[in-house]
Amino acid sequence: MPQNATPRVDLTPQQALAVEQLVLGATVVNAATAAGVSRETVHRWSREDWAFQAAVNRARHELQDAMERRLLALADRAMANVAEAVESGNLKASLTVLKGLGVLSGVQPGLCSDDPALLAEEAELRALADKSNRRLRRLTASL
């Protein structure tokens, strides 16, 4: 996690450690081991604890922001390299960069919310939609 990360006052020390490990790329098992809890506990936090989910999302936002700042600092040099590659006829390098930025697909990667209330509301809406879909399937099956 970045050094200037937002404090995790709404989490237990174990949860804060698990968040840090997950964001750094650890598996659930390794994050659980580092936090001194079972993998089932980390899975439960990930499914049911909105503050934990929000903290993971917030930490991912912060990490992404830090990476974007570093990449922006290199943007001038990268653009010069791309321009040189295009001017010299190396179209593959140019297409690779455009693809990596999502320009060619037209789809930008998204991040989940870091607001616990919004996560809870979205989960409730998904549950209602699932319930409605189950009812609809039962009704259509009886026709």
Foldseek 3Di string as FASTA:
>chain_A
DDPPADDLPVDDQLLVQLLVCVLVPHDLCVSCVRSVHHSVVVVCCCVPPLQSVLSSLSVNVVVVVVVVVVVVVCVVVVVVVLVVCVVVPNVVVVVVVCVVCVNVVVDHDDTDHSDSVVVVVVVVVVVVVVVVVVVVVVVVVVD
